[in-house]
Amino acid sequence: MGLNLSRGEPLKYYSSDRISQLFGNGLLTFLDEKTKLNDLFSNKEAIFYKNLDDLSEKILRYKRDDKKRKEIAKNGKFKYMKFYNSNIISQYIIDKTFDFKTKNQYIWV
């Protein structure tokens, strides 16, 4: 399990590259609801928490539930590798930089 936490107040869709390490290594990833990353990931792919008490309760719950923890972590890794891998992100940057018209469907746009 891993906590994707950044310094300062959470910002919409902001994350450091830590998120790629957590999802990419197949860890159950905890995300602050204030980041609005639940627009990009479901509760079947990550765990979203409201505050410190909610986070503590959820950490303890998933620590005890191996099956559910592994299932959500696996789903998160699959989605991250499919839709947010370096090839897709690089292509998006190229498309935007050079104003290329693309057939690619970027799920975050």
Protein backbone atom coordinates (compact mmCIF):
# COMPACT_ATOMS: atom_id res chain seq x y z
CA MET A 1 0.00 0.00 0.00
CA GLY A 2 1.16 3.52 -0.71
CA LEU A 3 0.03 7.05 -0.02
CA ASN A 4 0.22 9.52 -2.91
CA LEU A 5 0.70 12.68 -0.90
CA SER A 6 2.17 15.96 -2.10
CA ARG A 7 3.30 19.01 -0.15
CA GLY A 8 0.83 21.82 0.42
CA GLU A 9 -2.86 21.88 -0.31
CA PRO A 10 -4.17 19.28 -2.77
CA LEU A 11 -4.77 20.66 -6.27
CA LYS A 12 -7.16 19.33 -8.89
CA TYR A 13 -5.46 16.55 -10.89
CA TYR A 14 -2.03 17.35 -9.46
CA SER A 15 0.31 14.56 -8.54
CA SER A 16 4.04 14.14 -8.46
CA ASP A 17 5.54 11.25 -10.38
CA ARG A 18 5.15 9.20 -7.20
CA ILE A 19 1.75 8.14 -8.51
CA SER A 20 3.42 6.27 -11.38
CA GLN A 21 5.68 4.45 -8.93
CA LEU A 22 2.76 3.41 -6.74
CA PHE A 23 0.42 2.27 -9.50
CA GLY A 24 3.25 0.92 -11.67
CA ASN A 25 4.49 -1.32 -8.88
CA GLY A 26 1.01 -2.64 -8.22
CA LEU A 27 0.50 -1.03 -4.83
CA LEU A 28 -2.90 -0.17 -3.45
CA THR A 29 -2.83 3.61 -3.86
CA PHE A 30 -4.48 6.08 -1.49
CA LEU A 31 -5.48 9.44 -3.00
CA ASP A 32 -6.92 12.55 -1.38
CA GLU A 33 -10.45 13.25 -2.68
CA LYS A 34 -9.53 16.93 -3.02
CA THR A 35 -7.23 16.10 -5.94
CA LYS A 36 -10.30 15.08 -7.97
CA LEU A 37 -8.31 12.13 -9.31
CA ASN A 38 -11.53 10.18 -8.81
CA ASP A 39 -12.48 11.73 -12.17
CA LEU A 40 -9.70 9.58 -13.67
CA PHE A 41 -9.72 6.52 -11.40
CA SER A 42 -12.62 4.67 -9.85
CA ASN A 43 -12.89 3.21 -6.35
CA LYS A 44 -12.17 -0.15 -8.00
CA GLU A 45 -8.68 1.14 -8.95
CA ALA A 46 -7.65 3.34 -6.00
CA ILE A 47 -8.76 4.31 -2.52
CA PHE A 48 -9.94 7.88 -1.96
CA TYR A 49 -9.96 9.45 1.48
CA LYS A 50 -11.62 12.59 2.87
CA ASN A 51 -9.40 13.38 5.86
CA LEU A 52 -6.83 11.86 8.20
CA ASP A 53 -9.38 9.86 10.19
CA ASP A 54 -10.90 8.45 7.00
CA LEU A 55 -7.42 7.59 5.68
CA SER A 56 -6.48 5.81 8.94
CA GLU A 57 -9.69 3.78 8.92
CA LYS A 58 -9.20 2.76 5.28
CA ILE A 59 -5.56 1.80 5.79
CA LEU A 60 -6.57 -0.49 8.64
CA ARG A 61 -9.49 -1.94 6.64
CA TYR A 62 -7.38 -2.83 3.60
CA LYS A 63 -4.50 -4.06 5.73
CA ARG A 64 -6.87 -6.76 6.99
CA ASP A 65 -8.47 -7.56 3.63
CA ASP A 66 -5.76 -9.13 1.44
CA LYS A 67 -8.14 -10.16 -1.32
CA LYS A 68 -9.77 -6.75 -1.77
CA ARG A 69 -6.43 -4.91 -1.39
CA LYS A 70 -4.82 -7.02 -4.12
CA GLU A 71 -7.85 -6.77 -6.41
CA ILE A 72 -8.00 -2.95 -6.28
CA ALA A 73 -4.21 -2.67 -6.63
CA LYS A 74 -4.24 -4.95 -9.67
CA ASN A 75 -7.04 -2.92 -11.29
CA GLY A 76 -5.16 0.32 -10.61
CA LYS A 77 -1.96 -0.99 -12.14
CA PHE A 78 -3.79 -2.28 -15.22
CA LYS A 79 -5.53 1.05 -15.84
CA TYR A 80 -2.39 3.09 -15.22
CA MET A 81 -0.28 0.98 -17.56
CA LYS A 82 -2.97 1.01 -20.27
CA PHE A 83 -3.92 4.70 -20.30
CA TYR A 84 -1.05 6.59 -18.64
CA ASN A 85 2.09 4.84 -19.88
CA SER A 86 5.06 6.86 -21.13
CA ASN A 87 4.25 6.30 -24.81
CA ILE A 88 0.74 7.71 -24.46
CA ILE A 89 1.87 10.67 -22.34
CA SER A 90 4.73 11.45 -24.74
CA GLN A 91 2.41 11.30 -27.74
CA TYR A 92 -0.01 13.67 -26.01
CA ILE A 93 2.80 16.18 -25.37
CA ILE A 94 3.89 15.97 -29.02
CA ASP A 95 0.31 16.33 -30.27
CA LYS A 96 -0.31 19.40 -28.11
CA THR A 97 3.09 20.99 -28.78
CA PHE A 98 2.81 20.76 -32.55
CA ASP A 99 -0.98 21.09 -32.68
CA PHE A 100 -1.28 17.72 -34.42
CA LYS A 101 -4.74 16.41 -35.13
CA THR A 102 -4.89 12.95 -33.64
CA LYS A 103 -7.19 9.96 -33.53
CA ASN A 104 -5.91 9.13 -30.05
CA GLN A 105 -8.47 9.18 -27.29
CA TYR A 106 -6.83 10.62 -24.17
CA ILE A 107 -9.13 9.78 -21.28
CA TRP A 108 -8.08 12.80 -19.22
CA VAL A 109 -9.08 15.34 -21.90
